C-alpha atoms as a PDB file:
ATOM      1  CA  MET A   1       0.000   0.000   0.000  1.00  0.00           C
ATOM      2  CA  LYS A   2       1.196   3.506  -0.824  1.00  0.00           C
ATOM      3  CA  THR A   3       2.012   5.648   2.185  1.00  0.00           C
ATOM      4  CA  GLU A   4       2.449   9.413   2.335  1.00  0.00           C
ATOM      5  CA  LYS A   5       3.831  11.921   4.806  1.00  0.00           C
ATOM      6  CA  ILE A   6       1.137  12.983   7.234  1.00  0.00           C
ATOM      7  CA  GLN A   7       1.823  16.682   6.594  1.00  0.00           C
ATOM      8  CA  LYS A   8       0.943  16.148   2.913  1.00  0.00           C
ATOM      9  CA  ILE A   9      -2.251  14.287   3.758  1.00  0.00           C
ATOM     10  CA  LEU A  10      -3.448  16.864   6.290  1.00  0.00           C
ATOM     11  CA  SER A  11      -2.485  19.750   4.025  1.00  0.00           C
ATOM     12  CA  ASP A  12      -4.527  18.209   1.203  1.00  0.00           C
ATOM     13  CA  LEU A  13      -7.462  18.030   3.612  1.00  0.00           C
ATOM     14  CA  GLY A  14      -7.198  21.739   4.343  1.00  0.00           C
ATOM     15  CA  PHE A  15      -5.593  21.756   7.789  1.00  0.00           C
ATOM     16  CA  GLY A  16      -2.934  24.252   6.762  1.00  0.00           C
ATOM     17  CA  SER A  17       0.344  24.464   4.897  1.00  0.00           C
ATOM     18  CA  ARG A  18       2.845  21.628   5.229  1.00  0.00           C
ATOM     19  CA  ARG A  19       5.179  23.871   7.219  1.00  0.00           C
ATOM     20  CA  TYR A  20       2.377  24.761   9.635  1.00  0.00           C
ATOM     21  CA  ILE A  21       1.481  21.091  10.101  1.00  0.00           C
ATOM     22  CA  GLU A  22       5.134  20.221  10.730  1.00  0.00           C
ATOM     23  CA  THR A  23       5.117  22.823  13.509  1.00  0.00           C
ATOM     24  CA  GLN A  24       2.006  21.231  15.030  1.00  0.00           C
ATOM     25  CA  ILE A  25       3.690  17.798  14.891  1.00  0.00           C
ATOM     26  CA  SER A  26       6.640  19.220  16.843  1.00  0.00           C
ATOM     27  CA  LEU A  27       4.184  20.618  19.413  1.00  0.00           C
ATOM     28  CA  GLY A  28       2.493  17.226  19.776  1.00  0.00           C
ATOM     29  CA  THR A  29      -0.985  18.432  18.838  1.00  0.00           C
ATOM     30  CA  ILE A  30      -1.819  15.820  16.165  1.00  0.00           C
ATOM     31  CA  TYR A  31      -3.147  12.307  16.780  1.00  0.00           C
ATOM     32  CA  ILE A  32      -4.005   9.722  14.118  1.00  0.00           C
ATOM     33  CA  ASN A  33      -6.034   6.669  15.156  1.00  0.00           C
ATOM     34  CA  ASN A  34      -5.456   7.644  18.812  1.00  0.00           C
ATOM     35  CA  GLN A  35      -1.650   7.662  18.375  1.00  0.00           C
ATOM     36  CA  ILE A  36       0.448  10.815  18.596  1.00  0.00           C
ATOM     37  CA  VAL A  37       2.098  11.755  15.298  1.00  0.00           C
ATOM     38  CA  ILE A  38       5.876  12.222  15.247  1.00  0.00           C
ATOM     39  CA  ARG A  39       8.156  13.714  12.612  1.00  0.00           C
ATOM     40  CA  GLY A  40       8.595  11.405   9.637  1.00  0.00           C
ATOM     41  CA  SER A  41       5.299   9.582  10.171  1.00  0.00           C
ATOM     42  CA  ARG A  42       3.766   8.080   7.033  1.00  0.00           C
ATOM     43  CA  PHE A  43       0.235   6.747   6.552  1.00  0.00           C
ATOM     44  CA  ASN A  44      -1.996   5.119   4.003  1.00  0.00           C
ATOM     45  CA  ARG A  45      -5.006   7.392   3.621  1.00  0.00           C
ATOM     46  CA  SER A  46      -7.496   4.550   3.642  1.00  0.00           C
ATOM     47  CA  GLU A  47      -6.250   3.405   7.053  1.00  0.00           C
ATOM     48  CA  ILE A  48      -6.854   6.772   8.728  1.00  0.00           C
ATOM     49  CA  LYS A  49     -10.058   6.465  10.744  1.00  0.00           C
ATOM     50  CA  LYS A  50      -9.654   9.131  13.416  1.00  0.00           C
ATOM     51  CA  ILE A  51      -7.921  12.513  13.408  1.00  0.00           C
ATOM     52  CA  LYS A  52      -7.412  14.703  16.457  1.00  0.00           C
ATOM     53  CA  PHE A  53      -5.979  18.117  15.592  1.00  0.00           C
ATOM     54  CA  GLN A  54      -5.186  20.690  18.304  1.00  0.00           C
ATOM     55  CA  GLY A  55      -7.525  18.927  20.720  1.00  0.00           C
ATOM     56  CA  LYS A  56     -10.441  18.666  18.289  1.00  0.00           C
ATOM     57  CA  LYS A  57     -11.721  15.391  16.852  1.00  0.00           C
ATOM     58  CA  ILE A  58     -12.151  15.574  13.088  1.00  0.00           C
ATOM     59  CA  GLN A  59     -14.318  13.379  10.898  1.00  0.00           C
ATOM     60  CA  LYS A  60     -11.928  12.930   7.964  1.00  0.00           C
ATOM     61  CA  LEU A  61     -14.449  11.478   5.525  1.00  0.00           C
ATOM     62  CA  LYS A  62     -16.832  14.390   6.031  1.00  0.00           C
ATOM     63  CA  ILE A  63     -14.042  16.871   5.392  1.00  0.00           C
ATOM     64  CA  GLU A  64     -13.077  15.136   2.143  1.00  0.00           C
ATOM     65  CA  LYS A  65     -16.642  15.266   0.855  1.00  0.00           C
ATOM     66  CA  LYS A  66     -17.434  18.847   1.828  1.00  0.00           C
ATOM     67  CA  ASN A  67     -14.203  20.619   0.989  1.00  0.00           C
ATOM     68  CA  THR A  68     -14.508  21.497  -2.680  1.00  0.00           C
ATOM     69  CA  ILE A  69     -11.615  23.640  -3.878  1.00  0.00           C
ATOM     70  CA  GLN A  70     -11.926  27.285  -2.953  1.00  0.00           C
ATOM     71  CA  ILE A  71      -9.522  30.155  -3.578  1.00  0.00           C
ATOM     72  CA  LEU A  72      -9.958  33.733  -2.488  1.00  0.00           C
ATOM     73  CA  LYS A  73      -8.147  36.927  -3.370  1.00  0.00           C
ATOM     74  CA  TYR A  74      -7.370  39.382  -0.577  1.00  0.00           C
ATOM     75  CA  TYR A  75      -6.084  42.940  -0.957  1.00  0.00           C
ATOM     76  CA  LYS A  76      -3.495  43.278   1.790  1.00  0.00           C
ATOM     77  CA  PRO A  77      -2.644  46.823   2.849  1.00  0.00           C
ATOM     78  CA  THR A  78       0.692  47.827   4.356  1.00  0.00           C
ATOM     79  CA  GLY A  79       0.664  47.507   8.123  1.00  0.00           C
ATOM     80  CA  GLU A  80      -0.811  44.000   8.289  1.00  0.00           C
ATOM     81  CA  ILE A  81       1.219  40.926   9.171  1.00  0.00           C
ATOM     82  CA  CYS A  82       0.925  37.588   7.377  1.00  0.00           C
ATOM     83  CA  THR A  83       0.291  35.318  10.323  1.00  0.00           C
ATOM     84  CA  SER A  84      -2.752  34.054  12.198  1.00  0.00           C
ATOM     85  CA  PHE A  85      -1.473  35.378  15.541  1.00  0.00           C
ATOM     86  CA  ASP A  86       0.961  38.126  16.497  1.00  0.00           C
ATOM     87  CA  ILE A  87       2.473  38.472  19.972  1.00  0.00           C
ATOM     88  CA  PHE A  88       2.605  42.260  19.511  1.00  0.00           C
ATOM     89  CA  ASN A  89      -1.130  42.348  18.716  1.00  0.00           C
ATOM     90  CA  ARG A  90      -0.606  43.851  15.279  1.00  0.00           C
ATOM     91  CA  PRO A  91      -3.449  43.382  12.772  1.00  0.00           C
ATOM     92  CA  THR A  92      -3.158  40.155  10.772  1.00  0.00           C
ATOM     93  CA  VAL A  93      -4.460  39.265   7.317  1.00  0.00           C
ATOM     94  CA  PHE A  94      -6.587  36.458   8.760  1.00  0.00           C
ATOM     95  CA  LYS A  95      -8.860  38.748  10.751  1.00  0.00           C
ATOM     96  CA  ASN A  96     -10.640  39.945   7.599  1.00  0.00           C
ATOM     97  CA  LEU A  97     -11.159  36.520   6.009  1.00  0.00           C
ATOM     98  CA  PRO A  98     -14.571  34.793   5.856  1.00  0.00           C
ATOM     99  CA  ASN A  99     -15.137  32.397   8.724  1.00  0.00           C
ATOM    100  CA  LYS A 100     -16.652  29.454   6.889  1.00  0.00           C
ATOM    101  CA  LYS A 101     -17.483  26.187   8.628  1.00  0.00           C
ATOM    102  CA  ASN A 102     -15.140  23.258   7.839  1.00  0.00           C
ATOM    103  CA  ILE A 103     -12.655  25.513   6.013  1.00  0.00           C
ATOM    104  CA  ARG A 104      -9.119  26.238   7.176  1.00  0.00           C
ATOM    105  CA  TRP A 105      -7.618  28.959   5.001  1.00  0.00           C
ATOM    106  CA  ILE A 106      -4.068  28.295   3.831  1.00  0.00           C
ATOM    107  CA  MET A 107      -2.094  31.390   2.931  1.00  0.00           C
ATOM    108  CA  ILE A 108      -0.252  31.150  -0.394  1.00  0.00           C
ATOM    109  CA  GLY A 109       3.089  32.835   0.084  1.00  0.00           C
ATOM    110  CA  ARG A 110       3.599  35.929   2.194  1.00  0.00           C
ATOM    111  CA  LEU A 111       3.846  39.674   1.828  1.00  0.00           C
ATOM    112  CA  ASP A 112       5.960  41.495   4.369  1.00  0.00           C
ATOM    113  CA  TYR A 113       4.605  44.141   6.741  1.00  0.00           C
ATOM    114  CA  ASN A 114       5.404  47.043   4.394  1.00  0.00           C
ATOM    115  CA  THR A 115       4.209  45.370   1.182  1.00  0.00           C
ATOM    116  CA  SER A 116       0.658  45.626  -0.140  1.00  0.00           C
ATOM    117  CA  GLY A 117      -1.321  43.921  -2.857  1.00  0.00           C
ATOM    118  CA  LEU A 118      -2.672  40.547  -3.874  1.00  0.00           C
ATOM    119  CA  LEU A 119      -2.596  37.723  -1.350  1.00  0.00           C
ATOM    120  CA  LEU A 120      -4.175  34.346  -2.110  1.00  0.00           C
ATOM    121  CA  PHE A 121      -5.779  31.851   0.264  1.00  0.00           C
ATOM    122  CA  THR A 122      -7.114  28.371  -0.410  1.00  0.00           C
ATOM    123  CA  ASN A 123      -8.501  25.347   1.403  1.00  0.00           C
ATOM    124  CA  SER A 124      -6.413  22.995  -0.767  1.00  0.00           C
ATOM    125  CA  GLY A 125      -2.983  22.025   0.510  1.00  0.00           C
ATOM    126  CA  LYS A 126      -1.970  20.677  -2.898  1.00  0.00           C
ATOM    127  CA  ILE A 127      -2.792  23.949  -4.651  1.00  0.00           C
ATOM    128  CA  ALA A 128      -1.007  25.985  -1.971  1.00  0.00           C
ATOM    129  CA  TYR A 129       2.097  23.816  -2.206  1.00  0.00           C
ATOM    130  CA  ARG A 130       2.387  23.978  -5.989  1.00  0.00           C
ATOM    131  CA  LEU A 131       1.775  27.714  -6.148  1.00  0.00           C
ATOM    132  CA  MET A 132       4.356  28.444  -3.449  1.00  0.00           C
ATOM    133  CA  HIS A 133       7.202  26.017  -4.115  1.00  0.00           C
ATOM    134  CA  PRO A 134      10.016  27.580  -6.200  1.00  0.00           C
ATOM    135  CA  LYS A 135      10.400  24.449  -8.352  1.00  0.00           C
ATOM    136  CA  TYR A 136       7.042  25.132 -10.040  1.00  0.00           C
ATOM    137  CA  GLU A 137       8.205  28.632 -11.062  1.00  0.00           C
ATOM    138  CA  ILE A 138       4.833  30.351 -10.737  1.00  0.00           C
ATOM    139  CA  GLU A 139       5.110  34.002 -11.765  1.00  0.00           C
ATOM    140  CA  ARG A 140       4.586  36.878  -9.339  1.00  0.00           C
ATOM    141  CA  GLU A 141       4.211  40.410 -10.692  1.00  0.00           C
ATOM    142  CA  TYR A 142       4.862  43.588  -8.699  1.00  0.00           C
ATOM    143  CA  LEU A 143       4.837  47.343  -8.956  1.00  0.00           C
ATOM    144  CA  VAL A 144       7.903  48.753  -7.223  1.00  0.00           C
ATOM    145  CA  TYR A 145       8.960  52.331  -6.484  1.00  0.00           C
ATOM    146  CA  VAL A 146      12.705  52.622  -5.918  1.00  0.00           C
ATOM    147  CA  TYR A 147      15.298  55.210  -4.954  1.00  0.00           C
ATOM    148  CA  GLY A 148      18.965  55.421  -5.851  1.00  0.00           C
ATOM    149  CA  ASN A 149      21.472  55.693  -8.660  1.00  0.00           C
ATOM    150  CA  ILE A 150      19.522  53.764 -11.301  1.00  0.00           C
ATOM    151  CA  THR A 151      21.547  52.811 -14.386  1.00  0.00           C
ATOM    152  CA  ILE A 152      21.104  50.470 -17.344  1.00  0.00           C
ATOM    153  CA  GLU A 153      24.083  48.461 -16.111  1.00  0.00           C
ATOM    154  CA  LYS A 154      22.397  47.841 -12.758  1.00  0.00           C
ATOM    155  CA  ILE A 155      19.105  46.866 -14.385  1.00  0.00           C
ATOM    156  CA  ASN A 156      20.962  44.358 -16.557  1.00  0.00           C
ATOM    157  CA  ILE A 157      22.458  42.792 -13.431  1.00  0.00           C
ATOM    158  CA  LEU A 158      18.952  42.166 -12.098  1.00  0.00           C
ATOM    159  CA  LYS A 159      17.930  40.581 -15.407  1.00  0.00           C
ATOM    160  CA  LYS A 160      20.976  38.314 -15.596  1.00  0.00           C
ATOM    161  CA  GLY A 161      20.711  37.369 -11.938  1.00  0.00           C
ATOM    162  CA  ILE A 162      22.925  37.084  -8.873  1.00  0.00           C
ATOM    163  CA  PHE A 163      23.364  34.721  -5.947  1.00  0.00           C
ATOM    164  CA  LEU A 164      21.633  35.679  -2.710  1.00  0.00           C
ATOM    165  CA  GLU A 165      22.809  33.379   0.088  1.00  0.00           C
ATOM    166  CA  ASN A 166      23.685  30.618  -2.402  1.00  0.00           C
ATOM    167  CA  VAL A 167      20.341  30.921  -4.237  1.00  0.00           C
ATOM    168  CA  PHE A 168      20.351  32.256  -7.809  1.00  0.00           C
ATOM    169  CA  CYS A 169      17.763  35.039  -8.171  1.00  0.00           C
ATOM    170  CA  PHE A 170      16.737  37.291 -11.053  1.00  0.00           C
ATOM    171  CA  PHE A 171      13.817  39.219 -12.533  1.00  0.00           C
ATOM    172  CA  LYS A 172      12.203  37.622 -15.599  1.00  0.00           C
ATOM    173  CA  LYS A 173      10.937  41.031 -16.688  1.00  0.00           C
ATOM    174  CA  ILE A 174      11.704  44.625 -15.735  1.00  0.00           C
ATOM    175  CA  ILE A 175       9.611  47.408 -17.269  1.00  0.00           C
ATOM    176  CA  ASP A 176      10.508  51.026 -16.583  1.00  0.00           C
ATOM    177  CA  LEU A 177       7.285  52.955 -15.869  1.00  0.00           C
ATOM    178  CA  GLY A 178       8.962  56.325 -15.443  1.00  0.00           C
ATOM    179  CA  GLY A 179       9.677  58.833 -12.712  1.00  0.00           C
ATOM    180  CA  SER A 180      12.598  61.075 -11.818  1.00  0.00           C
ATOM    181  CA  LYS A 181      16.310  60.357 -12.147  1.00  0.00           C
ATOM    182  CA  LYS A 182      16.582  59.044  -8.579  1.00  0.00           C
ATOM    183  CA  LYS A 183      13.043  57.773  -7.977  1.00  0.00           C
ATOM    184  CA  ARG A 184      11.337  55.537 -10.512  1.00  0.00           C
ATOM    185  CA  TRP A 185       8.475  53.067 -10.842  1.00  0.00           C
ATOM    186  CA  PHE A 186       9.066  49.633 -12.328  1.00  0.00           C
ATOM    187  CA  LYS A 187       6.905  46.637 -13.100  1.00  0.00           C
ATOM    188  CA  ILE A 188       8.814  43.443 -12.382  1.00  0.00           C
ATOM    189  CA  VAL A 189       8.109  39.717 -12.721  1.00  0.00           C
ATOM    190  CA  LEU A 190       9.840  36.864 -10.900  1.00  0.00           C
ATOM    191  CA  SER A 191       9.107  33.154 -10.725  1.00  0.00           C
ATOM    192  CA  LYS A 192      10.643  31.781  -7.539  1.00  0.00           C
ATOM    193  CA  GLY A 193       9.258  33.771  -4.640  1.00  0.00           C
ATOM    194  CA  TYR A 194      12.095  33.433  -2.144  1.00  0.00           C
ATOM    195  CA  THR A 195      11.860  35.374   1.126  1.00  0.00           C
ATOM    196  CA  HIS A 196      12.098  39.155   0.516  1.00  0.00           C
ATOM    197  CA  GLU A 197      13.489  38.381  -2.940  1.00  0.00           C
ATOM    198  CA  VAL A 198      12.367  41.650  -4.576  1.00  0.00           C
ATOM    199  CA  ARG A 199      13.766  43.920  -1.881  1.00  0.00           C
ATOM    200  CA  ARG A 200      16.990  41.933  -1.583  1.00  0.00           C
ATOM    201  CA  LEU A 201      17.665  42.017  -5.316  1.00  0.00           C
ATOM    202  CA  TRP A 202      17.307  45.797  -5.487  1.00  0.00           C
ATOM    203  CA  PHE A 203      19.375  46.208  -2.308  1.00  0.00           C
ATOM    204  CA  SER A 204      22.163  44.132  -3.875  1.00  0.00           C
ATOM    205  CA  ILE A 205      22.718  46.942  -6.414  1.00  0.00           C
ATOM    206  CA  ASN A 206      22.396  49.694  -3.779  1.00  0.00           C
ATOM    207  CA  ILE A 207      18.828  50.633  -4.687  1.00  0.00           C
ATOM    208  CA  LEU A 208      16.243  51.132  -1.940  1.00  0.00           C
ATOM    209  CA  VAL A 209      12.645  49.933  -2.342  1.00  0.00           C
ATOM    210  CA  LEU A 210      10.251  52.658  -1.185  1.00  0.00           C
ATOM    211  CA  GLN A 211       6.968  50.991  -2.143  1.00  0.00           C
ATOM    212  CA  LEU A 212       6.114  47.453  -3.189  1.00  0.00           C
ATOM    213  CA  LYS A 213       2.777  46.093  -4.362  1.00  0.00           C
ATOM    214  CA  ARG A 214       1.951  42.656  -5.771  1.00  0.00           C
ATOM    215  CA  ILE A 215      -0.532  42.852  -8.639  1.00  0.00           C
ATOM    216  CA  ARG A 216      -0.520  39.280  -9.955  1.00  0.00           C
ATOM    217  CA  PHE A 217       0.109  35.755  -8.703  1.00  0.00           C
ATOM    218  CA  GLY A 218       0.146  33.100 -11.435  1.00  0.00           C
ATOM    219  CA  ASN A 219      -2.803  33.932 -13.678  1.00  0.00           C
ATOM    220  CA  LEU A 220      -4.815  35.713 -10.979  1.00  0.00           C
ATOM    221  CA  LYS A 221      -4.667  39.512 -10.967  1.00  0.00           C
ATOM    222  CA  LEU A 222      -5.474  42.138  -8.356  1.00  0.00           C
ATOM    223  CA  CYS A 223      -8.951  43.255  -9.443  1.00  0.00           C
ATOM    224  CA  THR A 224      -9.719  46.949  -9.799  1.00  0.00           C
ATOM    225  CA  ASN A 225     -12.954  46.429  -7.830  1.00  0.00           C
ATOM    226  CA  LEU A 226     -11.149  44.774  -4.905  1.00  0.00           C
ATOM    227  CA  LEU A 227     -10.594  47.294  -2.107  1.00  0.00           C
ATOM    228  CA  LYS A 228      -7.949  47.138   0.611  1.00  0.00           C
ATOM    229  CA  TYR A 229      -8.883  44.903   3.573  1.00  0.00           C
ATOM    230  CA  LYS A 230     -11.463  43.141   1.356  1.00  0.00           C
ATOM    231  CA  PHE A 231     -11.625  39.724  -0.305  1.00  0.00           C
ATOM    232  CA  LEU A 232     -13.263  38.100  -3.322  1.00  0.00           C
ATOM    233  CA  PHE A 233     -13.948  34.409  -3.887  1.00  0.00           C
ATOM    234  CA  CYS A 234     -12.469  33.172  -7.152  1.00  0.00           C
ATOM    235  CA  LYS A 235     -15.038  32.063  -9.686  1.00  0.00           C
ATOM    236  CA  LYS A 236     -15.101  28.524 -11.060  1.00  0.00           C
ATOM    237  CA  PHE A 237     -13.336  29.488 -14.297  1.00  0.00           C
ATOM    238  CA  GLU A 238     -10.547  31.201 -12.314  1.00  0.00           C
ATOM    239  CA  ILE A 239     -10.036  28.119 -10.142  1.00  0.00           C
ATOM    240  CA  LYS A 240      -9.952  25.942 -13.247  1.00  0.00           C
ATOM    241  CA  ARG A 241      -7.314  28.208 -14.806  1.00  0.00           C
ATOM    242  CA  ILE A 242      -5.155  27.972 -11.673  1.00  0.00           C
ATOM    243  CA  CYS A 243      -5.546  24.174 -11.559  1.00  0.00           C
ATOM    244  CA  ASN A 244      -4.558  23.928 -15.212  1.00  0.00           C
ATOM    245  CA  LEU A 245      -1.568  26.189 -14.591  1.00  0.00           C
ATOM    246  CA  ILE A 246      -0.197  23.923 -11.866  1.00  0.00           C
ATOM    247  CA  LYS A 247      -1.455  20.731 -13.539  1.00  0.00           C
ATOM    248  CA  ILE A 248      -3.691  19.720 -10.635  1.00  0.00           C
ATOM    249  CA  LEU A 249      -6.451  18.512 -12.948  1.00  0.00           C
ATOM    250  CA  LYS A 250      -4.139  16.433 -15.114  1.00  0.00           C
ATOM    251  CA  LYS A 251      -2.576  14.334 -12.366  1.00  0.00           C
END
C-alpha cells in the first residue's frame, strides 16, 4: 500500500500548509487513530479512521466530501502581518477573512509588513504547495517604487541574476514605468518567490525599495474592484485556470 507523509495528507485536507502542520507535529498536537504523530510519520489514507488536531476530533471522511476547492483573493494593505497570531497584537491578514465552517484557510506565500497587494488563500494544501514552491516557477508580478542611482548596467544585473545566500535570483521582466532620475516606478516579474526576494535584489545593487505592491500571482490579478482589507472568492473558471496552470487537474 502507498504511504504518504502525514503533513501532505493533512495539508490536502485543508488543515494548513505543510510547514504549519510540521510545527504542530513538533508541538504534539496531532493524533491519528489515537496515536500521537511524530516527525517522519507516514500513513496510508485509507487506514486513517480518526484525526485529532489541536484537541479537536475531526471526521476525515466528512471533510473530504465537503471541501470542494476554494480560492480567495485578498487585498493586503501595508501595516498588516501575514500570520494568524501576532504576539505584539498587530493586525493580521486572517482577521478579515470569511469564517466558513469546515474551512481552514491556507495562505499562499507571504507579503511582508510594508508590502501591499494581492494575497491568495485556499482550502487545498496541494494547490497551496504547488503555487508556493520555487520548483514550479509560478510568476509573481509587482509594482515597485525605488530610490537610488539607477543605471542600465544595474538593471541588466537584475535581469541576468545574482546569488543571494547561495540561491540564484533574477527578474524575468523589468519594465521602466517612469519617474525622476533618482526615484522611478518599475513593473517586475519573478518566478521563484524566495523570502524578501524583490527587496533583496534591489538592495544588492544599492537601490532602496520605497513601495512594493503585488498585482498578480500566477494567472490571478489584483482586481480593480477589490478594495484594501477586502476579499473576493475566485469564480469557477478562475479556479480551473489555476488548476490547469499547476497541472492539478491532469494528475
